[in-house]
Amino acid sequence: MCDFYNNPPKNVEEISTYLRSWLQEVDEGPLKVYKDQMWVQRYGFRRAFQIHGVYVSTTTNQHLFHVDEYDWDSATQEPNFGVWDDFDRMIAGVSVAYAKLWKL
């Protein structure tokens, strides 16, 4: 697993590597409804006080990434890191978003 605190990522590619190393399969929780689709969490990790979750649509196989202090409330929250066609595009898009947030 990549060590963010002792060796922080320096670019988008390193962020992508870190995300892939941190994401762990999780036990499927309850189905969530978002935009008339059912979503189930497949991957996640906790960093500091934030839960990072990857949810997969049971009908389209799209992936969404959401970060929050608590579990994603699909009834009241938009996914704050977007919905992506597949896992690899999600990792790439989330990595770019983090690079902008961290001003890399």
PDB file of N, CA and C in Angstrom:
ATOM      1  N   MET A   1       0.842  -1.180   0.000  1.00  0.00           N
ATOM      2  CA  MET A   1       0.000   0.000   0.000  1.00  0.00           C
ATOM      3  C   MET A   1       0.888   1.243   0.000  1.00  0.00           C
ATOM      4  N   CYS A   2       0.543   2.203  -0.800  1.00  0.00           N
ATOM      5  CA  CYS A   2       1.316   3.442  -0.900  1.00  0.00           C
ATOM      6  C   CYS A   2       1.146   4.285   0.365  1.00  0.00           C
ATOM      7  N   ASP A   3       2.230   4.889   0.817  1.00  0.00           N
ATOM      8  CA  ASP A   3       2.230   5.679   2.053  1.00  0.00           C
ATOM      9  C   ASP A   3       2.135   7.165   1.717  1.00  0.00           C
ATOM     10  N   PHE A   4       0.928   7.693   1.819  1.00  0.00           N
ATOM     11  CA  PHE A   4       0.654   9.082   1.455  1.00  0.00           C
ATOM     12  C   PHE A   4       1.436  10.071   2.309  1.00  0.00           C
ATOM     13  N   TYR A   5       1.563   9.792   3.592  1.00  0.00           N
ATOM     14  CA  TYR A   5       2.141  10.778   4.506  1.00  0.00           C
ATOM     15  C   TYR A   5       3.660  10.853   4.402  1.00  0.00           C
ATOM     16  N   ASN A   6       4.339   9.721   4.197  1.00  0.00           N
ATOM     17  CA  ASN A   6       5.798   9.729   4.088  1.00  0.00           C
ATOM     18  C   ASN A   6       6.287   9.928   2.667  1.00  0.00           C
ATOM     19  N   ASN A   7       5.405   9.677   1.702  1.00  0.00           N
ATOM     20  CA  ASN A   7       5.792   9.803   0.297  1.00  0.00           C
ATOM     21  C   ASN A   7       4.567  10.278  -0.501  1.00  0.00           C
ATOM     22  N   PRO A   8       4.180  11.545  -0.363  1.00  0.00           N
ATOM     23  CA  PRO A   8       2.965  12.022  -1.037  1.00  0.00           C
ATOM     24  C   PRO A   8       3.111  11.962  -2.559  1.00  0.00           C
ATOM     25  N   PRO A   9       2.003  11.745  -3.254  1.00  0.00           N
ATOM     26  CA  PRO A   9       2.062  11.698  -4.719  1.00  0.00           C
ATOM     27  C   PRO A   9       2.464  13.054  -5.286  1.00  0.00           C
ATOM     28  N   LYS A  10       3.175  13.002  -6.418  1.00  0.00           N
ATOM     29  CA  LYS A  10       3.676  14.233  -7.034  1.00  0.00           C
ATOM     30  C   LYS A  10       2.962  14.580  -8.333  1.00  0.00           C
ATOM     31  N   ASN A  11       2.153  13.643  -8.853  1.00  0.00           N
ATOM     32  CA  ASN A  11       1.478  13.893 -10.124  1.00  0.00           C
ATOM     33  C   ASN A  11       0.249  12.984 -10.261  1.00  0.00           C
ATOM     34  N   VAL A  12      -0.469  13.136 -11.355  1.00  0.00           N
ATOM     35  CA  VAL A  12      -1.705  12.379 -11.578  1.00  0.00           C
ATOM     36  C   VAL A  12      -1.432  10.874 -11.608  1.00  0.00           C
ATOM     37  N   GLU A  13      -0.354  10.461 -12.241  1.00  0.00           N
ATOM     38  CA  GLU A  13      -0.046   9.037 -12.335  1.00  0.00           C
ATOM     39  C   GLU A  13       0.186   8.427 -10.959  1.00  0.00           C
ATOM     40  N   GLU A  14       0.880   9.139 -10.096  1.00  0.00           N
ATOM     41  CA  GLU A  14       1.122   8.629  -8.743  1.00  0.00           C
ATOM     42  C   GLU A  14      -0.168   8.593  -7.939  1.00  0.00           C
ATOM     43  N   ILE A  15      -1.033   9.583  -8.118  1.00  0.00           N
ATOM     44  CA  ILE A  15      -2.329   9.556  -7.426  1.00  0.00           C
ATOM     45  C   ILE A  15      -3.101   8.320  -7.865  1.00  0.00           C
ATOM     46  N   SER A  16      -3.094   8.032  -9.148  1.00  0.00           N
ATOM     47  CA  SER A  16      -3.778   6.856  -9.684  1.00  0.00           C
ATOM     48  C   SER A  16      -3.241   5.573  -9.048  1.00  0.00           C
ATOM     49  N   THR A  17      -1.932   5.473  -8.935  1.00  0.00           N
ATOM     50  CA  THR A  17      -1.310   4.306  -8.297  1.00  0.00           C
ATOM     51  C   THR A  17      -1.739   4.195  -6.845  1.00  0.00           C
ATOM     52  N   TYR A  18      -1.756   5.324  -6.132  1.00  0.00           N
ATOM     53  CA  TYR A  18      -2.177   5.323  -4.735  1.00  0.00           C
ATOM     54  C   TYR A  18      -3.631   4.867  -4.614  1.00  0.00           C
ATOM     55  N   LEU A  19      -4.519   5.436  -5.426  1.00  0.00           N
ATOM     56  CA  LEU A  19      -5.934   5.048  -5.348  1.00  0.00           C
ATOM     57  C   LEU A  19      -6.107   3.553  -5.564  1.00  0.00           C
ATOM     58  N   ARG A  20      -5.438   3.029  -6.571  1.00  0.00           N
ATOM     59  CA  ARG A  20      -5.563   1.587  -6.849  1.00  0.00           C
ATOM     60  C   ARG A  20      -5.054   0.753  -5.672  1.00  0.00           C
ATOM     61  N   SER A  21      -4.016   1.212  -4.990  1.00  0.00           N
ATOM     62  CA  SER A  21      -3.484   0.444  -3.858  1.00  0.00           C
ATOM     63  C   SER A  21      -4.377   0.552  -2.624  1.00  0.00           C
ATOM     64  N   TRP A  22      -5.057   1.684  -2.472  1.00  0.00           N
ATOM     65  CA  TRP A  22      -5.896   1.875  -1.285  1.00  0.00           C
ATOM     66  C   TRP A  22      -7.257   1.202  -1.395  1.00  0.00           C
ATOM     67  N   LEU A  23      -7.835   1.169  -2.590  1.00  0.00           N
ATOM     68  CA  LEU A  23      -9.180   0.627  -2.745  1.00  0.00           C
ATOM     69  C   LEU A  23      -9.193  -0.869  -2.442  1.00  0.00           C
ATOM     70  N   GLN A  24     -10.037  -1.233  -1.520  1.00  0.00           N
ATOM     71  CA  GLN A  24     -10.194  -2.626  -1.109  1.00  0.00           C
ATOM     72  C   GLN A  24     -11.629  -3.060  -1.371  1.00  0.00           C
ATOM     73  N   GLU A  25     -11.799  -4.320  -1.758  1.00  0.00           N
ATOM     74  CA  GLU A  25     -13.162  -4.823  -1.906  1.00  0.00           C
ATOM     75  C   GLU A  25     -13.844  -4.784  -0.552  1.00  0.00           C
ATOM     76  N   VAL A  26     -15.126  -4.457  -0.565  1.00  0.00           N
ATOM     77  CA  VAL A  26     -15.907  -4.400   0.667  1.00  0.00           C
ATOM     78  C   VAL A  26     -17.078  -5.373   0.552  1.00  0.00           C
ATOM     79  N   ASP A  27     -17.604  -5.767   1.696  1.00  0.00           N
ATOM     80  CA  ASP A  27     -18.823  -6.568   1.687  1.00  0.00           C
ATOM     81  C   ASP A  27     -19.948  -5.703   1.147  1.00  0.00           C
ATOM     82  N   GLU A  28     -20.758  -6.267   0.271  1.00  0.00           N
ATOM     83  CA  GLU A  28     -21.843  -5.492  -0.313  1.00  0.00           C
ATOM     84  C   GLU A  28     -22.818  -5.053   0.777  1.00  0.00           C
ATOM     85  N   GLY A  29     -23.074  -3.766   0.794  1.00  0.00           N
ATOM     86  CA  GLY A  29     -24.044  -3.217   1.723  1.00  0.00           C
ATOM     87  C   GLY A  29     -25.406  -3.128   1.055  1.00  0.00           C
ATOM     88  N   PRO A  30     -26.265  -2.327   1.624  1.00  0.00           N
ATOM     89  CA  PRO A  30     -27.599  -2.174   1.035  1.00  0.00           C
ATOM     90  C   PRO A  30     -27.515  -1.464  -0.321  1.00  0.00           C
ATOM     91  N   LEU A  31     -28.437  -1.802  -1.200  1.00  0.00           N
ATOM     92  CA  LEU A  31     -28.515  -1.128  -2.495  1.00  0.00           C
ATOM     93  C   LEU A  31     -28.937   0.316  -2.292  1.00  0.00           C
ATOM     94  N   LYS A  32     -28.368   1.202  -3.095  1.00  0.00           N
ATOM     95  CA  LYS A  32     -28.716   2.625  -3.072  1.00  0.00           C
ATOM     96  C   LYS A  32     -29.416   2.959  -4.380  1.00  0.00           C
ATOM     97  N   VAL A  33     -30.358   3.867  -4.325  1.00  0.00           N
ATOM     98  CA  VAL A  33     -31.032   4.324  -5.541  1.00  0.00           C
ATOM     99  C   VAL A  33     -30.503   5.709  -5.876  1.00  0.00           C
ATOM    100  N   TYR A  34     -30.023   5.874  -7.110  1.00  0.00           N
ATOM    101  CA  TYR A  34     -29.530   7.157  -7.590  1.00  0.00           C
ATOM    102  C   TYR A  34     -29.862   7.248  -9.066  1.00  0.00           C
ATOM    103  N   LYS A  35     -30.593   8.301  -9.448  1.00  0.00           N
ATOM    104  CA  LYS A  35     -31.009   8.522 -10.838  1.00  0.00           C
ATOM    105  C   LYS A  35     -31.660   7.279 -11.440  1.00  0.00           C
ATOM    106  N   ASP A  36     -32.602   6.735 -10.707  1.00  0.00           N
ATOM    107  CA  ASP A  36     -33.395   5.582 -11.150  1.00  0.00           C
ATOM    108  C   ASP A  36     -32.570   4.329 -11.416  1.00  0.00           C
ATOM    109  N   GLN A  37     -31.411   4.235 -10.827  1.00  0.00           N
ATOM    110  CA  GLN A  37     -30.595   3.028 -10.934  1.00  0.00           C
ATOM    111  C   GLN A  37     -30.272   2.529  -9.529  1.00  0.00           C
ATOM    112  N   MET A  38     -30.012   1.247  -9.427  1.00  0.00           N
ATOM    113  CA  MET A  38     -29.580   0.652  -8.167  1.00  0.00           C
ATOM    114  C   MET A  38     -28.053   0.601  -8.172  1.00  0.00           C
ATOM    115  N   TRP A  39     -27.459   0.991  -7.060  1.00  0.00           N
ATOM    116  CA  TRP A  39     -26.001   1.042  -6.920  1.00  0.00           C
ATOM    117  C   TRP A  39     -25.599   0.241  -5.687  1.00  0.00           C
ATOM    118  N   VAL A  40     -24.479  -0.439  -5.786  1.00  0.00           N
ATOM    119  CA  VAL A  40     -23.949  -1.190  -4.660  1.00  0.00           C
ATOM    120  C   VAL A  40     -22.476  -0.828  -4.494  1.00  0.00           C
ATOM    121  N   GLN A  41     -22.049  -0.670  -3.228  1.00  0.00           N
ATOM    122  CA  GLN A  41     -20.641  -0.351  -2.991  1.00  0.00           C
ATOM    123  C   GLN A  41     -19.806  -1.607  -3.198  1.00  0.00           C
ATOM    124  N   ARG A  42     -18.723  -1.481  -3.980  1.00  0.00           N
ATOM    125  CA  ARG A  42     -17.835  -2.611  -4.251  1.00  0.00           C
ATOM    126  C   ARG A  42     -16.448  -2.405  -3.658  1.00  0.00           C
ATOM    127  N   TYR A  43     -16.001  -1.149  -3.582  1.00  0.00           N
ATOM    128  CA  TYR A  43     -14.655  -0.851  -3.080  1.00  0.00           C
ATOM    129  C   TYR A  43     -14.723   0.344  -2.147  1.00  0.00           C
ATOM    130  N   GLY A  44     -13.707   0.463  -1.299  1.00  0.00           N
ATOM    131  CA  GLY A  44     -13.640   1.624  -0.435  1.00  0.00           C
ATOM    132  C   GLY A  44     -12.369   1.634   0.390  1.00  0.00           C
ATOM    133  N   PHE A  45     -12.158   2.755   1.054  1.00  0.00           N
ATOM    134  CA  PHE A  45     -11.096   2.887   2.045  1.00  0.00           C
ATOM    135  C   PHE A  45     -11.408   4.105   2.908  1.00  0.00           C
ATOM    136  N   ARG A  46     -10.800   4.142   4.077  1.00  0.00           N
ATOM    137  CA  ARG A  46     -10.956   5.273   4.977  1.00  0.00           C
ATOM    138  C   ARG A  46      -9.602   5.940   5.090  1.00  0.00           C
ATOM    139  N   ARG A  47      -9.579   7.246   4.902  1.00  0.00           N
ATOM    140  CA  ARG A  47      -8.366   8.029   5.061  1.00  0.00           C
ATOM    141  C   ARG A  47      -8.737   9.203   5.953  1.00  0.00           C
ATOM    142  N   ALA A  48      -8.058   9.301   7.088  1.00  0.00           N
ATOM    143  CA  ALA A  48      -8.375  10.330   8.090  1.00  0.00           C
ATOM    144  C   ALA A  48      -9.838  10.181   8.498  1.00  0.00           C
ATOM    145  N   PHE A  49     -10.622  11.243   8.357  1.00  0.00           N
ATOM    146  CA  PHE A  49     -12.027  11.193   8.782  1.00  0.00           C
ATOM    147  C   PHE A  49     -12.975  10.984   7.613  1.00  0.00           C
ATOM    148  N   GLN A  50     -12.464  10.601   6.467  1.00  0.00           N
ATOM    149  CA  GLN A  50     -13.298  10.500   5.277  1.00  0.00           C
ATOM    150  C   GLN A  50     -13.406   9.048   4.790  1.00  0.00           C
ATOM    151  N   ILE A  51     -14.602   8.689   4.369  1.00  0.00           N
ATOM    152  CA  ILE A  51     -14.855   7.395   3.743  1.00  0.00           C
ATOM    153  C   ILE A  51     -14.865   7.604   2.239  1.00  0.00           C
ATOM    154  N   HIS A  52     -14.082   6.825   1.530  1.00  0.00           N
ATOM    155  CA  HIS A  52     -14.007   6.883   0.073  1.00  0.00           C
ATOM    156  C   HIS A  52     -14.682   5.625  -0.447  1.00  0.00           C
ATOM    157  N   GLY A  53     -15.745   5.795  -1.222  1.00  0.00           N
ATOM    158  CA  GLY A  53     -16.494   4.642  -1.693  1.00  0.00           C
ATOM    159  C   GLY A  53     -16.659   4.615  -3.199  1.00  0.00           C
ATOM    160  N   VAL A  54     -16.540   3.420  -3.764  1.00  0.00           N
ATOM    161  CA  VAL A  54     -16.808   3.189  -5.179  1.00  0.00           C
ATOM    162  C   VAL A  54     -18.075   2.347  -5.252  1.00  0.00           C
ATOM    163  N   TYR A  55     -19.066   2.877  -5.957  1.00  0.00           N
ATOM    164  CA  TYR A  55     -20.341   2.196  -6.133  1.00  0.00           C
ATOM    165  C   TYR A  55     -20.495   1.829  -7.603  1.00  0.00           C
ATOM    166  N   VAL A  56     -21.124   0.687  -7.858  1.00  0.00           N
ATOM    167  CA  VAL A  56     -21.306   0.199  -9.218  1.00  0.00           C
ATOM    168  C   VAL A  56     -22.797   0.032  -9.482  1.00  0.00           C
ATOM    169  N   SER A  57     -23.243   0.536 -10.632  1.00  0.00           N
ATOM    170  CA  SER A  57     -24.639   0.390 -11.031  1.00  0.00           C
ATOM    171  C   SER A  57     -24.911  -1.073 -11.361  1.00  0.00           C
ATOM    172  N   THR A  58     -26.007  -1.593 -10.851  1.00  0.00           N
ATOM    173  CA  THR A  58     -26.355  -2.984 -11.128  1.00  0.00           C
ATOM    174  C   THR A  58     -26.921  -3.157 -12.535  1.00  0.00           C
ATOM    175  N   THR A  59     -27.275  -2.053 -13.210  1.00  0.00           N
ATOM    176  CA  THR A  59     -27.839  -2.167 -14.556  1.00  0.00           C
ATOM    177  C   THR A  59     -26.869  -1.750 -15.657  1.00  0.00           C
ATOM    178  N   THR A  60     -26.078  -0.703 -15.439  1.00  0.00           N
ATOM    179  CA  THR A  60     -25.199  -0.194 -16.502  1.00  0.00           C
ATOM    180  C   THR A  60     -23.725  -0.494 -16.266  1.00  0.00           C
ATOM    181  N   ASN A  61     -23.371  -0.953 -15.067  1.00  0.00           N
ATOM    182  CA  ASN A  61     -21.994  -1.203 -14.669  1.00  0.00           C
ATOM    183  C   ASN A  61     -21.155   0.078 -14.618  1.00  0.00           C
ATOM    184  N   GLN A  62     -21.806   1.251 -14.603  1.00  0.00           N
ATOM    185  CA  GLN A  62     -21.074   2.503 -14.390  1.00  0.00           C
ATOM    186  C   GLN A  62     -20.545   2.512 -12.961  1.00  0.00           C
ATOM    187  N   HIS A  63     -19.509   3.306 -12.758  1.00  0.00           N
ATOM    188  CA  HIS A  63     -18.895   3.437 -11.432  1.00  0.00           C
ATOM    189  C   HIS A  63     -19.031   4.882 -10.965  1.00  0.00           C
ATOM    190  N   LEU A  64     -19.243   5.052  -9.674  1.00  0.00           N
ATOM    191  CA  LEU A  64     -19.213   6.405  -9.112  1.00  0.00           C
ATOM    192  C   LEU A  64     -18.330   6.400  -7.885  1.00  0.00           C
ATOM    193  N   PHE A  65     -17.735   7.564  -7.612  1.00  0.00           N
ATOM    194  CA  PHE A  65     -16.794   7.719  -6.505  1.00  0.00           C
ATOM    195  C   PHE A  65     -17.338   8.821  -5.618  1.00  0.00           C
ATOM    196  N   HIS A  66     -17.458   8.538  -4.328  1.00  0.00           N
ATOM    197  CA  HIS A  66     -17.976   9.529  -3.393  1.00  0.00           C
ATOM    198  C   HIS A  66     -17.140   9.511  -2.120  1.00  0.00           C
ATOM    199  N   VAL A  67     -16.847  10.710  -1.610  1.00  0.00           N
ATOM    200  CA  VAL A  67     -16.075  10.862  -0.381  1.00  0.00           C
ATOM    201  C   VAL A  67     -16.914  11.653   0.611  1.00  0.00           C
ATOM    202  N   ASP A  68     -16.993  11.147   1.840  1.00  0.00           N
ATOM    203  CA  ASP A  68     -17.816  11.807   2.855  1.00  0.00           C
ATOM    204  C   ASP A  68     -17.365  11.333   4.234  1.00  0.00           C
ATOM    205  N   GLU A  69     -17.801  12.056   5.257  1.00  0.00           N
ATOM    206  CA  GLU A  69     -17.544  11.610   6.625  1.00  0.00           C
ATOM    207  C   GLU A  69     -18.375  10.393   6.970  1.00  0.00           C
ATOM    208  N   TYR A  70     -19.513  10.274   6.333  1.00  0.00           N
ATOM    209  CA  TYR A  70     -20.447   9.193   6.606  1.00  0.00           C
ATOM    210  C   TYR A  70     -20.732   8.441   5.318  1.00  0.00           C
ATOM    211  N   ASP A  71     -21.519   7.408   5.406  1.00  0.00           N
ATOM    212  CA  ASP A  71     -21.921   6.653   4.226  1.00  0.00           C
ATOM    213  C   ASP A  71     -22.669   7.554   3.255  1.00  0.00           C
ATOM    214  N   TRP A  72     -22.538   7.307   1.968  1.00  0.00           N
ATOM    215  CA  TRP A  72     -23.191   8.102   0.924  1.00  0.00           C
ATOM    216  C   TRP A  72     -24.703   7.996   1.050  1.00  0.00           C
ATOM    217  N   ASP A  73     -25.363   9.137   1.165  1.00  0.00           N
ATOM    218  CA  ASP A  73     -26.826   9.197   1.189  1.00  0.00           C
ATOM    219  C   ASP A  73     -27.292   9.537  -0.223  1.00  0.00           C
ATOM    220  N   SER A  74     -27.606   8.514  -1.001  1.00  0.00           N
ATOM    221  CA  SER A  74     -27.932   8.710  -2.412  1.00  0.00           C
ATOM    222  C   SER A  74     -29.226   9.482  -2.623  1.00  0.00           C
ATOM    223  N   ALA A  75     -30.055   9.575  -1.582  1.00  0.00           N
ATOM    224  CA  ALA A  75     -31.314  10.325  -1.704  1.00  0.00           C
ATOM    225  C   ALA A  75     -31.096  11.832  -1.641  1.00  0.00           C
ATOM    226  N   THR A  76     -30.015  12.266  -0.984  1.00  0.00           N
ATOM    227  CA  THR A  76     -29.815  13.704  -0.786  1.00  0.00           C
ATOM    228  C   THR A  76     -28.486  14.225  -1.335  1.00  0.00           C
ATOM    229  N   GLN A  77     -27.578  13.357  -1.759  1.00  0.00           N
ATOM    230  CA  GLN A  77     -26.248  13.797  -2.180  1.00  0.00           C
ATOM    231  C   GLN A  77     -25.934  13.336  -3.603  1.00  0.00           C
ATOM    232  N   GLU A  78     -25.363  14.247  -4.380  1.00  0.00           N
ATOM    233  CA  GLU A  78     -24.784  13.879  -5.665  1.00  0.00           C
ATOM    234  C   GLU A  78     -23.411  13.276  -5.376  1.00  0.00           C
ATOM    235  N   PRO A  79     -22.958  12.312  -6.168  1.00  0.00           N
ATOM    236  CA  PRO A  79     -21.599  11.807  -5.967  1.00  0.00           C
ATOM    237  C   PRO A  79     -20.586  12.915  -6.247  1.00  0.00           C
ATOM    238  N   ASN A  80     -19.745  13.221  -5.262  1.00  0.00           N
ATOM    239  CA  ASN A  80     -18.889  14.400  -5.378  1.00  0.00           C
ATOM    240  C   ASN A  80     -17.649  14.200  -6.245  1.00  0.00           C
ATOM    241  N   PHE A  81     -17.406  12.992  -6.721  1.00  0.00           N
ATOM    242  CA  PHE A  81     -16.310  12.777  -7.668  1.00  0.00           C
ATOM    243  C   PHE A  81     -16.799  12.135  -8.952  1.00  0.00           C
ATOM    244  N   GLY A  82     -18.098  12.214  -9.209  1.00  0.00           N
ATOM    245  CA  GLY A  82     -18.634  11.867 -10.509  1.00  0.00           C
ATOM    246  C   GLY A  82     -19.022  10.420 -10.745  1.00  0.00           C
ATOM    247  N   VAL A  83     -19.657  10.230 -11.897  1.00  0.00           N
ATOM    248  CA  VAL A  83     -20.070   8.922 -12.400  1.00  0.00           C
ATOM    249  C   VAL A  83     -19.274   8.661 -13.670  1.00  0.00           C
ATOM    250  N   TRP A  84     -18.747   7.461 -13.799  1.00  0.00           N
ATOM    251  CA  TRP A  84     -17.825   7.121 -14.882  1.00  0.00           C
ATOM    252  C   TRP A  84     -18.287   5.848 -15.585  1.00  0.00           C
ATOM    253  N   ASP A  85     -17.931   5.708 -16.856  1.00  0.00           N
ATOM    254  CA  ASP A  85     -18.339   4.542 -17.641  1.00  0.00           C
ATOM    255  C   ASP A  85     -17.737   3.237 -17.139  1.00  0.00           C
ATOM    256  N   ASP A  86     -16.522   3.295 -16.603  1.00  0.00           N
ATOM    257  CA  ASP A  86     -15.887   2.068 -16.110  1.00  0.00           C
ATOM    258  C   ASP A  86     -14.859   2.422 -15.030  1.00  0.00           C
ATOM    259  N   PHE A  87     -14.301   1.396 -14.437  1.00  0.00           N
ATOM    260  CA  PHE A  87     -13.388   1.564 -13.314  1.00  0.00           C
ATOM    261  C   PHE A  87     -12.148   2.374 -13.698  1.00  0.00           C
ATOM    262  N   ASP A  88     -11.531   2.042 -14.830  1.00  0.00           N
ATOM    263  CA  ASP A  88     -10.296   2.734 -15.222  1.00  0.00           C
ATOM    264  C   ASP A  88     -10.533   4.219 -15.495  1.00  0.00           C
ATOM    265  N   ARG A  89     -11.633   4.553 -16.159  1.00  0.00           N
ATOM    266  CA  ARG A  89     -11.944   5.972 -16.388  1.00  0.00           C
ATOM    267  C   ARG A  89     -12.234   6.684 -15.071  1.00  0.00           C
ATOM    268  N   MET A  90     -12.869   5.979 -14.143  1.00  0.00           N
ATOM    269  CA  MET A  90     -13.127   6.575 -12.836  1.00  0.00           C
ATOM    270  C   MET A  90     -11.810   6.897 -12.132  1.00  0.00           C
ATOM    271  N   ILE A  91     -10.884   5.940 -12.105  1.00  0.00           N
ATOM    272  CA  ILE A  91      -9.585   6.177 -11.460  1.00  0.00           C
ATOM    273  C   ILE A  91      -8.888   7.365 -12.102  1.00  0.00           C
ATOM    274  N   ALA A  92      -8.878   7.423 -13.429  1.00  0.00           N
ATOM    275  CA  ALA A  92      -8.225   8.533 -14.135  1.00  0.00           C
ATOM    276  C   ALA A  92      -8.883   9.865 -13.798  1.00  0.00           C
ATOM    277  N   GLY A  93     -10.201   9.921 -13.824  1.00  0.00           N
ATOM    278  CA  GLY A  93     -10.918  11.170 -13.546  1.00  0.00           C
ATOM    279  C   GLY A  93     -10.775  11.631 -12.107  1.00  0.00           C
ATOM    280  N   VAL A  94     -10.855  10.701 -11.177  1.00  0.00           N
ATOM    281  CA  VAL A  94     -10.699  11.050  -9.762  1.00  0.00           C
ATOM    282  C   VAL A  94      -9.263  11.507  -9.497  1.00  0.00           C
ATOM    283  N   SER A  95      -8.291  10.886 -10.144  1.00  0.00           N
ATOM    284  CA  SER A  95      -6.887  11.285  -9.976  1.00  0.00           C
ATOM    285  C   SER A  95      -6.665  12.715 -10.448  1.00  0.00           C
ATOM    286  N   VAL A  96      -7.249  13.072 -11.583  1.00  0.00           N
ATOM    287  CA  VAL A  96      -7.143  14.450 -12.089  1.00  0.00           C
ATOM    288  C   VAL A  96      -7.815  15.416 -11.111  1.00  0.00           C
ATOM    289  N   ALA A  97      -8.976  15.045 -10.585  1.00  0.00           N
ATOM    290  CA  ALA A  97      -9.678  15.915  -9.630  1.00  0.00           C
ATOM    291  C   ALA A  97      -8.842  16.135  -8.371  1.00  0.00           C
ATOM    292  N   TYR A  98      -8.233  15.066  -7.848  1.00  0.00           N
ATOM    293  CA  TYR A  98      -7.373  15.225  -6.675  1.00  0.00           C
ATOM    294  C   TYR A  98      -6.145  16.078  -7.002  1.00  0.00           C
ATOM    295  N   ALA A  99      -5.558  15.904  -8.159  1.00  0.00           N
ATOM    296  CA  ALA A  99      -4.400  16.714  -8.541  1.00  0.00           C
ATOM    297  C   ALA A  99      -4.757  18.201  -8.542  1.00  0.00           C
ATOM    298  N   LYS A 100      -5.945  18.539  -9.027  1.00  0.00           N
ATOM    299  CA  LYS A 100      -6.387  19.938  -8.995  1.00  0.00           C
ATOM    300  C   LYS A 100      -6.614  20.423  -7.578  1.00  0.00           C
ATOM    301  N   LEU A 101      -7.246  19.598  -6.756  1.00  0.00           N
ATOM    302  CA  LEU A 101      -7.479  19.975  -5.351  1.00  0.00           C
ATOM    303  C   LEU A 101      -6.163  20.203  -4.609  1.00  0.00           C
ATOM    304  N   TRP A 102      -5.192  19.350  -4.869  1.00  0.00           N
ATOM    305  CA  TRP A 102      -3.903  19.418  -4.174  1.00  0.00           C
ATOM    306  C   TRP A 102      -2.909  20.320  -4.891  1.00  0.00           C
ATOM    307  N   LYS A 103      -3.347  20.950  -6.003  1.00  0.00           N
ATOM    308  CA  LYS A 103      -2.506  21.875  -6.780  1.00  0.00           C
ATOM    309  C   LYS A 103      -1.181  21.244  -7.204  1.00  0.00           C
ATOM    310  N   LEU A 104      -1.271  20.040  -7.768  1.00  0.00           N
ATOM    311  CA  LEU A 104      -0.067  19.356  -8.266  1.00  0.00           C
ATOM    312  C   LEU A 104       0.185  19.698  -9.711  1.00  0.00           C
TER     313      LEU A 104
END
